[in-house]
Amino acid sequence: MRSFKRIAHWTLLGLALLFGSYRLFASGLELDEVLLLSEAPPGVVFEIVSGDNDYLRWAIPAVQQHIQQLRERFPELPVAVVTHGREQFALTRDKQTQYAKVHRGIQSLVKDNDVSVHVCGTYAERHNVDENEFPDYINVSAAGPAQINDYRQLGYLLIKLKRP
């Protein structure tokens, strides 16, 4: 049974790459897999979720580097970022000084790279953080996973950001 699953996985991957059927990738891709595509996908959405308050100190520079690589390969590629764990609270207005480099990185993504950045309104609400506590350059989505799903419905490929 295990070999059947392995064969099925590689067959689906091959067909998706051959026919551009990006929606076959339910669990997300690695950056290198996207860079190997022969044509640009409709877009890429990065998912960031962690229980670490400081995670964005690492994640935002990593996303910036990934976007640079993607845009070198596919210059007009639409990109979005959705963060929906504890790390999203580094993006509130009252954390702008403590996380100044993170906020500058997000502002650069939005302004200089035309990237939409979203946080999860549901998770914020559960932690008594109002959507008005986020600066204007942050989009507060009703729910982070639903926002990712919306992008996936548009054909965007999912890259789940993981710390090495």
N, C-alpha and C. Protein backbone atom coordinates (compact mmCIF):
# COMPACT_ATOMS: atom_id res chain seq x y z
N MET A 1 0.83 -1.19 0.00
CA MET A 1 0.00 0.00 0.00
C MET A 1 0.87 1.25 0.00
N ARG A 2 1.97 1.22 0.76
CA ARG A 2 2.85 2.38 0.84
C ARG A 2 3.42 2.73 -0.53
N SER A 3 3.84 1.74 -1.31
CA SER A 3 4.40 2.02 -2.63
C SER A 3 3.33 2.59 -3.56
N PHE A 4 2.08 2.15 -3.42
CA PHE A 4 1.00 2.71 -4.22
C PHE A 4 0.83 4.20 -3.93
N LYS A 5 0.85 4.57 -2.64
CA LYS A 5 0.72 5.98 -2.26
C LYS A 5 1.88 6.80 -2.81
N ARG A 6 3.07 6.24 -2.74
CA ARG A 6 4.25 6.95 -3.26
C ARG A 6 4.12 7.15 -4.77
N ILE A 7 3.71 6.12 -5.47
CA ILE A 7 3.54 6.22 -6.93
C ILE A 7 2.44 7.23 -7.26
N ALA A 8 1.34 7.17 -6.52
CA ALA A 8 0.24 8.12 -6.75
C ALA A 8 0.70 9.55 -6.50
N HIS A 9 1.46 9.77 -5.43
CA HIS A 9 1.97 11.12 -5.13
C HIS A 9 2.83 11.65 -6.27
N TRP A 10 3.79 10.86 -6.71
CA TRP A 10 4.69 11.33 -7.77
C TRP A 10 3.96 11.46 -9.11
N THR A 11 2.97 10.62 -9.34
CA THR A 11 2.17 10.75 -10.56
C THR A 11 1.39 12.05 -10.56
N LEU A 12 0.73 12.35 -9.43
CA LEU A 12 -0.01 13.62 -9.33
C LEU A 12 0.92 14.81 -9.45
N LEU A 13 2.08 14.75 -8.82
CA LEU A 13 3.04 15.85 -8.91
C LEU A 13 3.46 16.04 -10.37
N GLY A 14 3.78 14.96 -11.04
CA GLY A 14 4.18 15.05 -12.44
C GLY A 14 3.07 15.61 -13.32
N LEU A 15 1.84 15.14 -13.12
CA LEU A 15 0.72 15.65 -13.90
C LEU A 15 0.47 17.13 -13.62
N ALA A 16 0.58 17.51 -12.38
CA ALA A 16 0.36 18.91 -12.03
C ALA A 16 1.40 19.80 -12.68
N LEU A 17 2.65 19.37 -12.65
CA LEU A 17 3.70 20.16 -13.29
C LEU A 17 3.52 20.17 -14.80
N LEU A 18 3.14 19.04 -15.37
CA LEU A 18 2.95 18.94 -16.81
C LEU A 18 1.78 19.78 -17.29
N PHE A 19 0.67 19.73 -16.60
CA PHE A 19 -0.54 20.40 -17.06
C PHE A 19 -0.84 21.69 -16.32
N GLY A 20 0.01 22.10 -15.41
CA GLY A 20 -0.21 23.36 -14.70
C GLY A 20 -1.40 23.31 -13.76
N SER A 21 -1.76 22.14 -13.31
CA SER A 21 -2.91 22.00 -12.42
C SER A 21 -2.46 22.19 -10.98
N TYR A 22 -2.28 23.44 -10.62
CA TYR A 22 -1.69 23.79 -9.34
C TYR A 22 -2.54 23.39 -8.15
N ARG A 23 -3.83 23.26 -8.31
CA ARG A 23 -4.71 22.98 -7.18
C ARG A 23 -4.54 21.58 -6.62
N LEU A 24 -3.76 20.73 -7.28
CA LEU A 24 -3.52 19.39 -6.77
C LEU A 24 -2.66 19.42 -5.51
N PHE A 25 -2.00 20.53 -5.24
CA PHE A 25 -1.11 20.62 -4.09
C PHE A 25 -1.87 21.10 -2.87
N ALA A 26 -2.42 20.17 -2.12
CA ALA A 26 -3.26 20.54 -0.98
C ALA A 26 -2.44 20.95 0.24
N SER A 27 -1.27 20.35 0.41
CA SER A 27 -0.52 20.60 1.64
C SER A 27 0.56 21.65 1.48
N GLY A 28 0.70 22.23 0.34
CA GLY A 28 1.72 23.26 0.14
C GLY A 28 2.94 22.72 -0.54
N LEU A 29 3.74 23.64 -1.01
CA LEU A 29 4.96 23.31 -1.73
C LEU A 29 6.16 23.94 -1.05
N GLU A 30 7.32 23.50 -1.44
CA GLU A 30 8.56 24.14 -1.04
C GLU A 30 8.89 25.19 -2.10
N LEU A 31 9.64 26.19 -1.70
CA LEU A 31 10.02 27.26 -2.62
C LEU A 31 10.69 26.70 -3.88
N ASP A 32 11.61 25.76 -3.70
CA ASP A 32 12.33 25.20 -4.85
C ASP A 32 11.40 24.54 -5.86
N GLU A 33 10.32 23.93 -5.38
CA GLU A 33 9.36 23.30 -6.29
C GLU A 33 8.64 24.36 -7.14
N VAL A 34 8.32 25.48 -6.55
CA VAL A 34 7.67 26.55 -7.31
C VAL A 34 8.64 27.12 -8.34
N LEU A 35 9.89 27.30 -7.94
CA LEU A 35 10.89 27.86 -8.85
C LEU A 35 11.16 26.94 -10.05
N LEU A 36 10.85 25.67 -9.92
CA LEU A 36 11.06 24.72 -11.02
C LEU A 36 9.91 24.70 -12.03
N LEU A 37 8.81 25.35 -11.72
CA LEU A 37 7.68 25.35 -12.64
C LEU A 37 8.06 26.02 -13.96
N SER A 38 7.51 25.52 -15.05
CA SER A 38 7.83 26.08 -16.36
C SER A 38 7.11 27.40 -16.64
N GLU A 39 6.01 27.62 -15.95
CA GLU A 39 5.30 28.90 -16.10
C GLU A 39 4.83 29.38 -14.74
N ALA A 40 4.59 30.66 -14.64
CA ALA A 40 4.20 31.26 -13.37
C ALA A 40 2.82 30.75 -12.94
N PRO A 41 2.67 30.44 -11.67
CA PRO A 41 1.33 30.11 -11.17
C PRO A 41 0.52 31.41 -11.05
N PRO A 42 -0.78 31.31 -10.79
CA PRO A 42 -1.59 32.52 -10.63
C PRO A 42 -1.12 33.41 -9.47
N GLY A 43 -0.40 32.83 -8.51
CA GLY A 43 0.12 33.58 -7.37
C GLY A 43 0.67 32.62 -6.34
N VAL A 44 1.26 33.19 -5.29
CA VAL A 44 1.80 32.40 -4.18
C VAL A 44 1.33 33.05 -2.89
N VAL A 45 0.89 32.22 -1.94
CA VAL A 45 0.54 32.71 -0.61
C VAL A 45 1.44 32.00 0.40
N PHE A 46 2.09 32.80 1.23
CA PHE A 46 2.94 32.28 2.30
C PHE A 46 2.10 32.19 3.57
N GLU A 47 2.15 31.04 4.22
CA GLU A 47 1.48 30.87 5.50
C GLU A 47 2.52 30.89 6.60
N ILE A 48 2.29 31.76 7.59
CA ILE A 48 3.15 31.84 8.77
C ILE A 48 2.28 31.58 9.98
N VAL A 49 2.62 30.56 10.75
CA VAL A 49 1.88 30.28 11.98
C VAL A 49 2.84 29.66 12.98
N SER A 50 2.87 30.25 14.17
CA SER A 50 3.78 29.79 15.21
C SER A 50 3.26 30.22 16.57
N GLY A 51 3.68 29.53 17.59
CA GLY A 51 3.36 29.93 18.95
C GLY A 51 4.42 30.84 19.53
N ASP A 52 5.41 31.20 18.71
CA ASP A 52 6.55 32.00 19.15
C ASP A 52 6.29 33.48 18.86
N ASN A 53 6.26 34.29 19.91
CA ASN A 53 6.02 35.73 19.76
C ASN A 53 7.05 36.41 18.86
N ASP A 54 8.28 35.91 18.85
CA ASP A 54 9.37 36.53 18.08
C ASP A 54 9.57 35.91 16.70
N TYR A 55 8.72 35.02 16.29
CA TYR A 55 8.90 34.26 15.04
C TYR A 55 9.05 35.15 13.81
N LEU A 56 8.36 36.29 13.79
CA LEU A 56 8.42 37.17 12.61
C LEU A 56 9.79 37.81 12.44
N ARG A 57 10.59 37.86 13.50
CA ARG A 57 11.96 38.39 13.37
C ARG A 57 12.75 37.54 12.38
N TRP A 58 12.48 36.25 12.35
CA TRP A 58 13.10 35.36 11.38
C TRP A 58 12.27 35.27 10.10
N ALA A 59 10.97 35.18 10.25
CA ALA A 59 10.09 34.86 9.12
C ALA A 59 10.03 35.97 8.07
N ILE A 60 9.96 37.23 8.48
CA ILE A 60 9.82 38.30 7.49
C ILE A 60 11.05 38.42 6.60
N PRO A 61 12.27 38.42 7.13
CA PRO A 61 13.43 38.40 6.23
C PRO A 61 13.44 37.17 5.31
N ALA A 62 13.00 36.01 5.83
CA ALA A 62 12.95 34.81 4.99
C ALA A 62 11.94 34.99 3.86
N VAL A 63 10.77 35.55 4.17
CA VAL A 63 9.76 35.80 3.13
C VAL A 63 10.30 36.79 2.11
N GLN A 64 10.96 37.84 2.56
CA GLN A 64 11.53 38.82 1.63
C GLN A 64 12.51 38.14 0.66
N GLN A 65 13.35 37.27 1.19
CA GLN A 65 14.31 36.56 0.35
C GLN A 65 13.60 35.63 -0.63
N HIS A 66 12.58 34.92 -0.15
CA HIS A 66 11.83 34.02 -1.02
C HIS A 66 11.13 34.79 -2.15
N ILE A 67 10.55 35.93 -1.80
CA ILE A 67 9.86 36.74 -2.81
C ILE A 67 10.85 37.24 -3.85
N GLN A 68 12.03 37.64 -3.42
CA GLN A 68 13.05 38.08 -4.37
C GLN A 68 13.38 36.96 -5.36
N GLN A 69 13.53 35.75 -4.86
CA GLN A 69 13.82 34.62 -5.74
C GLN A 69 12.65 34.34 -6.68
N LEU A 70 11.44 34.38 -6.14
CA LEU A 70 10.26 34.13 -6.99
C LEU A 70 10.12 35.19 -8.07
N ARG A 71 10.34 36.44 -7.71
CA ARG A 71 10.17 37.53 -8.68
C ARG A 71 11.30 37.55 -9.72
N GLU A 72 12.47 37.04 -9.37
CA GLU A 72 13.53 36.90 -10.38
C GLU A 72 13.09 35.90 -11.44
N ARG A 73 12.42 34.85 -11.01
CA ARG A 73 11.94 33.80 -11.93
C ARG A 73 10.64 34.21 -12.63
N PHE A 74 9.71 34.80 -11.87
CA PHE A 74 8.40 35.20 -12.37
C PHE A 74 8.15 36.65 -11.95
N PRO A 75 8.61 37.63 -12.74
CA PRO A 75 8.61 39.04 -12.31
C PRO A 75 7.26 39.62 -11.88
N GLU A 76 6.18 39.21 -12.46
CA GLU A 76 4.87 39.79 -12.15
C GLU A 76 4.05 38.94 -11.19
N LEU A 77 4.66 37.98 -10.53
CA LEU A 77 3.95 37.03 -9.69
C LEU A 77 3.25 37.72 -8.51
N PRO A 78 1.93 37.57 -8.39
CA PRO A 78 1.22 38.09 -7.21
C PRO A 78 1.60 37.26 -5.98
N VAL A 79 1.79 37.95 -4.85
CA VAL A 79 2.20 37.28 -3.62
C VAL A 79 1.39 37.84 -2.45
N ALA A 80 1.03 36.96 -1.54
CA ALA A 80 0.34 37.34 -0.31
C ALA A 80 1.00 36.61 0.86
N VAL A 81 0.85 37.19 2.04
CA VAL A 81 1.35 36.58 3.27
C VAL A 81 0.20 36.56 4.27
N VAL A 82 -0.01 35.40 4.89
CA VAL A 82 -1.03 35.28 5.93
C VAL A 82 -0.34 34.74 7.18
N THR A 83 -0.43 35.50 8.26
CA THR A 83 0.12 35.08 9.54
C THR A 83 -1.04 34.94 10.51
N HIS A 84 -1.13 33.76 11.16
CA HIS A 84 -2.32 33.53 11.98
C HIS A 84 -2.03 32.75 13.26
N GLY A 85 -0.89 33.01 13.84
CA GLY A 85 -0.56 32.42 15.14
C GLY A 85 -0.15 33.53 16.10
N ARG A 86 0.44 33.17 17.20
CA ARG A 86 0.85 34.12 18.23
C ARG A 86 1.79 35.19 17.68
N GLU A 87 2.56 34.84 16.67
CA GLU A 87 3.51 35.78 16.08
C GLU A 87 2.83 37.03 15.51
N GLN A 88 1.56 36.92 15.12
CA GLN A 88 0.87 38.06 14.50
C GLN A 88 0.77 39.25 15.44
N PHE A 89 0.86 39.02 16.74
CA PHE A 89 0.73 40.13 17.69
C PHE A 89 1.94 41.05 17.71
N ALA A 90 3.04 40.64 17.08
CA ALA A 90 4.18 41.54 16.90
C ALA A 90 3.82 42.66 15.94
N LEU A 91 2.73 42.51 15.22
CA LEU A 91 2.34 43.49 14.20
C LEU A 91 1.35 44.53 14.70
N THR A 92 1.05 44.53 15.99
CA THR A 92 0.14 45.55 16.52
C THR A 92 0.88 46.88 16.64
N ARG A 93 0.10 47.95 16.69
CA ARG A 93 0.67 49.30 16.79
C ARG A 93 1.55 49.46 18.03
N ASP A 94 1.13 48.89 19.14
CA ASP A 94 1.91 49.06 20.38
C ASP A 94 3.23 48.28 20.37
N LYS A 95 3.45 47.44 19.34
CA LYS A 95 4.70 46.69 19.22
C LYS A 95 5.60 47.25 18.12
N GLN A 96 5.23 48.40 17.56
CA GLN A 96 6.01 48.97 16.45
C GLN A 96 7.44 49.32 16.85
N THR A 97 7.67 49.71 18.08
CA THR A 97 9.03 50.03 18.52
C THR A 97 9.79 48.75 18.83
N GLN A 98 9.18 47.85 19.59
CA GLN A 98 9.82 46.59 19.97
C GLN A 98 10.18 45.75 18.74
N TYR A 99 9.33 45.78 17.75
CA TYR A 99 9.52 45.00 16.52
C TYR A 99 9.69 45.93 15.32
N ALA A 100 10.49 46.97 15.49
CA ALA A 100 10.66 47.99 14.44
C ALA A 100 11.13 47.37 13.12
N LYS A 101 12.10 46.48 13.18
CA LYS A 101 12.63 45.87 11.95
C LYS A 101 11.56 45.02 11.25
N VAL A 102 10.76 44.33 12.02
CA VAL A 102 9.67 43.52 11.46
C VAL A 102 8.66 44.43 10.77
N HIS A 103 8.28 45.51 11.44
CA HIS A 103 7.32 46.45 10.85
C HIS A 103 7.87 47.10 9.58
N ARG A 104 9.14 47.47 9.59
CA ARG A 104 9.75 48.04 8.37
C ARG A 104 9.75 47.00 7.25
N GLY A 105 10.01 45.75 7.60
CA GLY A 105 9.98 44.67 6.60
C GLY A 105 8.60 44.48 6.00
N ILE A 106 7.58 44.52 6.84
CA ILE A 106 6.20 44.39 6.36
C ILE A 106 5.85 45.58 5.46
N GLN A 107 6.20 46.79 5.91
CA GLN A 107 5.91 47.98 5.11
C GLN A 107 6.59 47.90 3.75
N SER A 108 7.81 47.38 3.71
CA SER A 108 8.51 47.22 2.44
C SER A 108 7.82 46.19 1.55
N LEU A 109 7.38 45.09 2.16
CA LEU A 109 6.65 44.09 1.38
C LEU A 109 5.41 44.71 0.73
N VAL A 110 4.67 45.48 1.52
CA VAL A 110 3.42 46.06 1.04
C VAL A 110 3.68 47.15 0.01
N LYS A 111 4.54 48.10 0.36
CA LYS A 111 4.74 49.28 -0.49
C LYS A 111 5.65 49.01 -1.69
N ASP A 112 6.78 48.37 -1.44
CA ASP A 112 7.79 48.20 -2.49
C ASP A 112 7.60 46.95 -3.32
N ASN A 113 6.92 45.95 -2.77
CA ASN A 113 6.81 44.66 -3.45
C ASN A 113 5.38 44.27 -3.79
N ASP A 114 4.42 45.14 -3.49
CA ASP A 114 3.01 44.89 -3.82
C ASP A 114 2.53 43.55 -3.27
N VAL A 115 2.83 43.30 -2.00
CA VAL A 115 2.43 42.07 -1.32
C VAL A 115 1.31 42.41 -0.34
N SER A 116 0.26 41.61 -0.32
CA SER A 116 -0.80 41.77 0.67
C SER A 116 -0.42 40.96 1.90
N VAL A 117 -0.50 41.61 3.07
CA VAL A 117 -0.16 40.94 4.33
C VAL A 117 -1.41 40.91 5.20
N HIS A 118 -1.76 39.72 5.66
CA HIS A 118 -2.98 39.50 6.44
C HIS A 118 -2.66 38.90 7.80
N VAL A 119 -3.44 39.29 8.80
CA VAL A 119 -3.46 38.62 10.10
C VAL A 119 -4.86 38.06 10.31
N CYS A 120 -4.99 37.18 11.29
CA CYS A 120 -6.25 36.50 11.57
C CYS A 120 -7.06 37.28 12.60
N GLY A 121 -8.18 37.81 12.20
CA GLY A 121 -9.06 38.55 13.09
C GLY A 121 -9.66 37.68 14.18
N THR A 122 -9.98 36.44 13.86
CA THR A 122 -10.57 35.53 14.85
C THR A 122 -9.58 35.25 15.96
N TYR A 123 -8.33 34.96 15.60
CA TYR A 123 -7.31 34.68 16.61
C TYR A 123 -7.03 35.94 17.44
N ALA A 124 -7.02 37.09 16.78
CA ALA A 124 -6.82 38.35 17.51
C ALA A 124 -7.95 38.57 18.50
N GLU A 125 -9.17 38.37 18.06
CA GLU A 125 -10.33 38.57 18.92
C GLU A 125 -10.29 37.64 20.14
N ARG A 126 -9.88 36.39 19.92
CA ARG A 126 -9.77 35.44 21.03
C ARG A 126 -8.77 35.90 22.08
N HIS A 127 -7.82 36.73 21.66
CA HIS A 127 -6.80 37.23 22.58
C HIS A 127 -7.04 38.70 22.94
N ASN A 128 -8.29 39.13 22.77
CA ASN A 128 -8.70 40.49 23.14
C ASN A 128 -7.91 41.58 22.44
N VAL A 129 -7.55 41.33 21.19
CA VAL A 129 -6.87 42.32 20.37
C VAL A 129 -7.84 42.75 19.28
N ASP A 130 -8.19 44.02 19.27
CA ASP A 130 -9.12 44.56 18.29
C ASP A 130 -8.41 44.79 16.96
N GLU A 131 -9.15 44.69 15.88
CA GLU A 131 -8.54 44.88 14.56
C GLU A 131 -7.96 46.27 14.39
N ASN A 132 -8.47 47.27 15.11
CA ASN A 132 -7.93 48.63 15.03
C ASN A 132 -6.56 48.76 15.67
N GLU A 133 -6.12 47.73 16.38
CA GLU A 133 -4.80 47.76 17.00
C GLU A 133 -3.69 47.43 16.01
N PHE A 134 -4.07 47.03 14.79
CA PHE A 134 -3.09 46.76 13.74
C PHE A 134 -2.97 47.99 12.85
N PRO A 135 -1.76 48.30 12.38
CA PRO A 135 -1.58 49.46 11.49
C PRO A 135 -2.29 49.26 10.15
N ASP A 136 -2.43 50.36 9.43
CA ASP A 136 -3.17 50.34 8.16
C ASP A 136 -2.55 49.44 7.09
N TYR A 137 -1.26 49.17 7.18
CA TYR A 137 -0.61 48.34 6.16
C TYR A 137 -0.82 46.84 6.40
N ILE A 138 -1.54 46.50 7.45
CA ILE A 138 -1.89 45.11 7.76
C ILE A 138 -3.37 44.91 7.47
N ASN A 139 -3.69 43.88 6.69
CA ASN A 139 -5.09 43.52 6.44
C ASN A 139 -5.54 42.54 7.51
N VAL A 140 -6.61 42.86 8.20
CA VAL A 140 -7.16 41.95 9.20
C VAL A 140 -8.26 41.15 8.51
N SER A 141 -7.99 39.86 8.32
CA SER A 141 -8.96 38.96 7.69
C SER A 141 -9.85 38.36 8.77
N ALA A 142 -11.04 37.98 8.40
CA ALA A 142 -11.94 37.35 9.36
C ALA A 142 -11.27 36.13 9.99
N ALA A 143 -10.65 35.30 9.16
CA ALA A 143 -9.95 34.10 9.64
C ALA A 143 -8.77 33.81 8.72
N GLY A 144 -7.61 33.59 9.31
CA GLY A 144 -6.40 33.31 8.52
C GLY A 144 -6.54 32.11 7.59
N PRO A 145 -6.98 30.95 8.11
CA PRO A 145 -7.13 29.79 7.23
C PRO A 145 -8.12 30.03 6.10
N ALA A 146 -9.20 30.74 6.36
CA ALA A 146 -10.17 31.05 5.30
C ALA A 146 -9.54 31.97 4.26
N GLN A 147 -8.70 32.92 4.69
CA GLN A 147 -8.02 33.82 3.75
C GLN A 147 -7.09 33.02 2.85
N ILE A 148 -6.37 32.07 3.44
CA ILE A 148 -5.50 31.20 2.64
C ILE A 148 -6.33 30.42 1.64
N ASN A 149 -7.44 29.88 2.09
CA ASN A 149 -8.32 29.13 1.19
C ASN A 149 -8.83 30.01 0.05
N ASP A 150 -9.15 31.26 0.34
CA ASP A 150 -9.59 32.18 -0.71
C ASP A 150 -8.51 32.34 -1.77
N TYR A 151 -7.28 32.51 -1.34
CA TYR A 151 -6.18 32.62 -2.30
C TYR A 151 -6.01 31.32 -3.09
N ARG A 152 -6.15 30.20 -2.41
CA ARG A 152 -5.99 28.90 -3.09
C ARG A 152 -7.08 28.71 -4.14
N GLN A 153 -8.30 29.21 -3.84
CA GLN A 153 -9.39 29.12 -4.81
C GLN A 153 -9.07 29.93 -6.07
N LEU A 154 -8.23 30.95 -5.92
CA LEU A 154 -7.80 31.76 -7.07
C LEU A 154 -6.63 31.10 -7.81
N GLY A 155 -6.19 29.94 -7.31
CA GLY A 155 -5.10 29.22 -7.95
C GLY A 155 -3.73 29.48 -7.34
N TYR A 156 -3.67 30.28 -6.29
CA TYR A 156 -2.39 30.55 -5.65
C TYR A 156 -1.81 29.26 -5.07
N LEU A 157 -0.51 29.14 -5.15
CA LEU A 157 0.18 28.02 -4.52
C LEU A 157 0.51 28.39 -3.09
N LEU A 158 0.41 27.43 -2.20
CA LEU A 158 0.68 27.63 -0.79
C LEU A 158 2.11 27.23 -0.45
N ILE A 159 2.82 28.12 0.21
CA ILE A 159 4.13 27.81 0.77
C ILE A 159 4.02 28.02 2.27
N LYS A 160 4.14 26.94 3.03
CA LYS A 160 4.10 27.03 4.49
C LYS A 160 5.52 27.31 4.97
N LEU A 161 5.70 28.48 5.54
CA LEU A 161 7.02 28.88 5.98
C LEU A 161 7.40 28.10 7.24
N LYS A 162 8.54 27.43 7.17
CA LYS A 162 9.03 26.65 8.30
C LYS A 162 10.47 27.02 8.58
N ARG A 163 10.75 27.20 9.84
CA ARG A 163 12.12 27.52 10.25
C ARG A 163 12.99 26.28 10.11
N PRO A 164 14.15 26.42 9.47
CA PRO A 164 15.03 25.25 9.30
C PRO A 164 15.57 24.74 10.62
